[in-house]
Protein backbone atom coordinates (compact mmCIF):
# COMPACT_ATOMS: atom_id res chain seq x y z
CA UNK A 1 183.51 153.87 145.94
CA UNK A 2 183.00 150.06 146.47
CA UNK A 3 179.48 149.04 146.67
CA UNK A 4 178.33 146.75 149.32
CA UNK A 5 177.96 143.32 147.79
CA UNK A 6 174.87 141.51 148.47
CA UNK A 7 174.82 138.31 150.45
CA UNK A 8 172.14 135.92 150.19
CA UNK A 9 170.68 133.76 153.55
CA UNK A 10 171.05 130.00 152.30
CA UNK A 11 168.70 128.12 154.27
CA UNK A 12 169.34 124.85 152.46
CA UNK A 13 172.12 123.34 150.18
CA UNK A 14 172.89 119.93 148.53
CA UNK A 15 174.28 118.57 145.53
CA UNK A 16 170.96 119.40 143.28
CA UNK A 17 169.10 122.00 144.97
CA UNK A 18 169.31 125.20 147.06
CA UNK A 19 166.73 127.29 149.62
CA UNK A 20 167.50 130.73 149.91
CA UNK A 21 165.57 133.49 151.94
CA UNK A 22 164.91 136.29 149.33
CA UNK A 23 164.98 139.79 150.82
CA UNK A 24 162.35 141.95 149.60
CA UNK A 25 163.10 144.46 147.09
CA UNK A 26 165.38 141.94 145.16
CA UNK A 27 164.31 140.81 141.61
CA UNK A 28 164.72 136.90 141.00
CA UNK A 29 165.77 137.92 137.47
CA UNK A 30 165.92 140.43 134.80
CA UNK A 31 162.97 142.02 133.91
CA UNK A 32 161.85 144.84 131.45
CA UNK A 33 159.45 146.10 133.88
CA UNK A 34 162.35 146.82 136.36
CA UNK A 35 164.78 148.69 134.27
CA UNK A 36 165.96 149.85 137.79
CA UNK A 37 167.43 146.95 139.00
CA UNK A 38 171.38 146.01 138.88
CA UNK A 39 171.38 142.80 141.02
CA UNK A 40 169.00 139.28 140.75
CA UNK A 41 168.57 136.83 142.80
CA UNK A 42 169.92 134.14 140.53
CA UNK A 43 173.11 136.05 139.63
CA UNK A 44 174.13 136.74 143.01
CA UNK A 45 173.13 132.90 144.24
CA UNK A 46 175.37 131.77 141.20
CA UNK A 47 178.44 134.03 142.42
CA UNK A 48 178.08 133.27 145.99
CA UNK A 49 178.28 129.25 145.82
CA UNK A 50 180.16 129.59 142.27
CA UNK A 51 177.90 127.50 139.70
CA UNK A 52 175.25 127.98 137.23
CA UNK A 53 171.73 128.04 139.08
CA UNK A 54 167.97 127.49 137.77
CA UNK A 55 165.26 129.43 139.53
CA UNK A 56 162.49 126.77 140.05
CA UNK A 57 159.85 129.45 140.61
CA UNK A 58 159.37 133.05 141.37
CA UNK A 59 158.58 135.59 143.85
CA UNK A 60 157.73 139.30 143.24
CA UNK A 61 160.25 141.77 143.99
CA UNK A 62 158.61 143.24 146.94
CA UNK A 63 158.16 139.58 148.43
CA UNK A 64 160.27 138.10 150.82
CA UNK A 65 161.14 134.70 151.75
CA UNK A 66 161.74 131.24 150.50
CA UNK A 67 162.85 130.99 146.69
CA UNK A 68 164.25 127.22 145.33
CA UNK A 69 166.89 127.13 143.18
CA UNK A 70 168.10 123.59 140.80
CA UNK A 71 171.65 123.04 140.29
CA UNK A 72 170.97 121.27 137.56
CA UNK A 73 168.28 121.51 134.09
CA UNK A 74 166.97 117.65 135.17
CA UNK A 75 166.14 118.90 139.13
CA UNK A 76 164.60 122.24 137.70
CA UNK A 77 162.23 120.12 135.48
CA UNK A 78 161.40 117.79 138.27
CA UNK A 79 160.63 120.85 140.85
CA UNK A 80 158.86 123.08 138.23
CA UNK A 81 156.45 120.43 137.49
CA UNK A 82 156.14 119.84 141.48
CA UNK A 83 155.24 123.43 141.81
CA UNK A 84 152.93 123.20 138.57
CA UNK A 85 151.02 119.90 139.73
CA UNK A 86 150.37 121.75 143.41
CA UNK A 87 152.48 118.90 144.98
CA UNK A 88 154.17 122.02 147.24
CA UNK A 89 152.64 123.37 150.38
CA UNK A 90 153.49 127.30 150.71
CA UNK A 91 152.62 129.08 153.15
CA UNK A 92 152.96 132.67 153.66
CA UNK A 93 152.68 135.70 156.40
CA UNK A 94 151.02 138.67 155.64
CA UNK A 95 149.89 142.11 157.51
CA UNK A 96 146.63 143.51 156.19
CA UNK A 97 144.20 146.00 156.73
CA UNK A 98 141.40 145.66 158.89
CA UNK A 99 140.06 143.00 160.97
CA UNK A 100 139.81 139.74 158.89
CA UNK A 101 137.83 136.83 159.68
CA UNK A 102 139.29 133.48 161.59
CA UNK A 103 139.87 131.71 158.24
CA UNK A 104 138.62 131.84 154.94
CA UNK A 105 139.22 130.79 151.21
CA UNK A 106 139.20 133.37 148.05
CA UNK A 107 138.21 131.89 145.23
CA UNK A 108 138.69 134.49 142.58
CA UNK A 109 139.93 134.41 138.93
CA UNK A 110 142.49 136.60 137.58
CA UNK A 111 143.61 137.87 134.25
CA UNK A 112 147.20 137.03 133.67
CA UNK A 113 149.71 139.42 131.28
CA UNK A 114 148.44 137.76 128.56
CA UNK A 115 144.71 138.65 129.01
CA UNK A 116 144.21 134.97 129.84
CA UNK A 117 141.48 134.44 132.84
CA UNK A 118 143.03 131.71 135.18
CA UNK A 119 141.49 130.04 137.98
CA UNK A 120 143.02 131.41 141.61
CA UNK A 121 142.37 129.93 145.10
CA UNK A 122 143.78 131.55 148.24
CA UNK A 123 143.26 129.98 152.09
CA UNK A 124 143.89 131.85 154.85
CA UNK A 125 143.85 131.78 158.64
CA UNK A 126 143.81 134.84 161.60
CA UNK A 127 146.75 134.80 163.39
CA UNK A 128 146.40 138.20 165.31
CA UNK A 129 144.15 141.12 165.37
CA UNK A 130 146.08 144.54 166.18
CA UNK A 131 144.02 148.01 166.86
CA UNK A 132 146.15 151.01 167.69
CA UNK A 133 144.94 154.55 168.87
CA UNK A 134 145.41 156.25 165.54
CA UNK A 135 142.31 158.16 163.62
CA UNK A 136 141.91 156.33 160.53
CA UNK A 137 139.12 157.79 158.14
CA UNK A 138 135.69 157.83 159.80
CA UNK A 139 137.06 155.55 162.85
CA UNK A 140 138.74 156.49 165.89
CA UNK A 141 141.45 153.64 165.87
CA UNK A 142 143.54 151.53 162.96
CA UNK A 143 142.75 147.56 162.84
CA UNK A 144 145.36 145.39 161.13
CA UNK A 145 145.44 141.65 161.16
CA UNK A 146 148.37 139.03 160.50
CA UNK A 147 147.49 136.34 158.55
CA UNK A 148 148.55 132.72 157.60
CA UNK A 149 148.27 132.28 153.66
CA UNK A 150 148.24 129.16 151.86
CA UNK A 151 148.07 129.82 147.81
CA UNK A 152 146.51 126.91 146.20
CA UNK A 153 147.39 128.04 142.84
CA UNK A 154 150.21 130.00 141.63
CA UNK A 155 149.18 132.95 139.92
CA UNK A 156 151.13 136.30 139.53
CA UNK A 157 150.59 138.76 142.01
CA UNK A 158 147.61 136.20 143.38
CA UNK A 159 147.99 137.21 146.90
CA UNK A 160 148.07 141.04 146.64
CA UNK A 161 145.41 140.80 144.47
CA UNK A 162 143.33 138.38 146.48
CA UNK A 163 143.22 140.13 149.64
CA UNK A 164 142.78 143.66 147.70
CA UNK A 165 139.77 141.81 146.40
CA UNK A 166 138.17 141.22 149.84
CA UNK A 167 139.14 144.65 151.14
CA UNK A 168 141.85 143.72 153.41
CA UNK A 169 144.94 144.98 151.47
CA UNK A 170 148.49 143.75 152.21
CA UNK A 171 150.47 146.70 154.28
CA UNK A 172 152.99 148.26 152.08
CA UNK A 173 151.71 147.15 148.56
CA UNK A 174 151.76 149.13 145.91
CA UNK A 175 149.54 149.19 143.87
CA UNK A 176 147.13 146.89 145.03
CA UNK A 177 147.31 148.41 148.76
CA UNK A 178 145.62 151.06 150.57
CA UNK A 179 147.92 154.34 150.21
CA UNK A 180 146.29 155.85 153.20
CA UNK A 181 147.97 152.94 155.31
CA UNK A 182 151.21 152.71 153.52
CA UNK A 183 151.61 156.82 154.13
CA UNK A 184 150.82 155.88 157.86
CA UNK A 185 153.07 153.28 157.95
CA UNK A 186 156.43 155.34 156.17
CA UNK A 187 155.58 158.58 158.27
CA UNK A 188 154.94 156.65 161.82
CA UNK A 189 157.65 154.06 161.46
CA UNK A 190 159.82 154.36 158.49
CA UNK A 191 158.33 151.58 156.89
CA UNK A 192 158.60 151.35 153.33
CA UNK A 193 158.65 147.48 152.75
CA UNK A 194 155.59 145.58 151.63
CA UNK A 195 154.67 143.00 154.60
CA UNK A 196 154.13 139.62 152.68
CA UNK A 197 156.75 136.79 153.45
CA UNK A 198 157.20 133.21 152.25
CA UNK A 199 158.08 131.73 155.46
CA UNK A 200 157.21 128.01 154.54
CA UNK A 201 157.61 125.02 151.95
CA UNK A 202 157.08 121.65 152.04
CA UNK A 203 157.59 119.03 149.25
CA UNK A 204 159.44 115.98 148.27
CA UNK A 205 163.00 115.99 147.52
CA UNK A 206 163.44 115.52 143.69
CA UNK A 207 166.06 112.82 144.33
CA UNK A 208 165.66 111.33 147.54
CA UNK A 209 161.43 111.60 147.55
CA UNK A 210 161.98 112.50 151.20
CA UNK A 211 159.57 115.29 152.63
CA UNK A 212 161.34 118.60 153.38
CA UNK A 213 159.90 121.48 155.03
CA UNK A 214 161.93 124.74 154.77
CA UNK A 215 160.91 127.86 157.20
CA UNK A 216 162.37 131.64 156.64
CA UNK A 217 162.67 134.27 159.58
CA UNK A 218 160.47 137.34 158.76
CA UNK A 219 162.97 140.32 157.65
CA UNK A 220 163.90 142.57 160.52
CA UNK A 221 161.21 145.45 159.14
CA UNK A 222 158.50 142.99 159.11
CA UNK A 223 159.24 141.47 162.84
CA UNK A 224 159.84 145.08 163.98
CA UNK A 225 156.73 146.20 162.98
CA UNK A 226 154.58 143.17 164.56
CA UNK A 227 156.10 144.26 167.81
CA UNK A 228 155.15 147.67 167.96
CA UNK A 229 151.73 146.68 166.71
CA UNK A 230 151.65 144.39 169.52
CA UNK A 231 152.80 146.80 171.84
CA UNK A 232 149.48 148.78 171.12
CA UNK A 233 147.27 146.37 171.88
């Protein structure tokens, strides 16, 4: 039996770069930490457009959304420098546990895989509160917040760790999330994805220097979850 072939949603493509809307569950490239994976965004995109691609940055396997690839080494270096020097504005959408503040900044250093402590800064603003009639521990209802997230730095698992740090973990996150809430979403709605999506990127084109903004639609399960929660408000 032939397995269904993955087909990536290309948001933008020109002669030097490609921007895709990565589905959650797909690794950017091969990793020893995910030996179970047989498909990778870099390989699928290469086969889809018929040429070598260079991943400019990365998204967690469980995170969906905008991912930029260069089509040659020179452009790859230029774009990586733009990300490294914080010339790229990144916006994410996340569904988190609890009623979060209207806006805020999380300034909390994180330790990378090599044990190095790095500064990490994440800004957020509230988009919508949700409250549903489901008992949650000592509370008679369960509360959630949809937030727009603007990470100023790009540390590994930064957004996930930062929201867990302020006790508003992202729904569907493992291991940084809340097991009780993850179980609730799985049992009630069959939702097993992490609800973190890279929905907007703004940066200057590496060749023309024209400012460009790219947007990616939410995955169907994320959008459906928001609709279900909105009905309960």
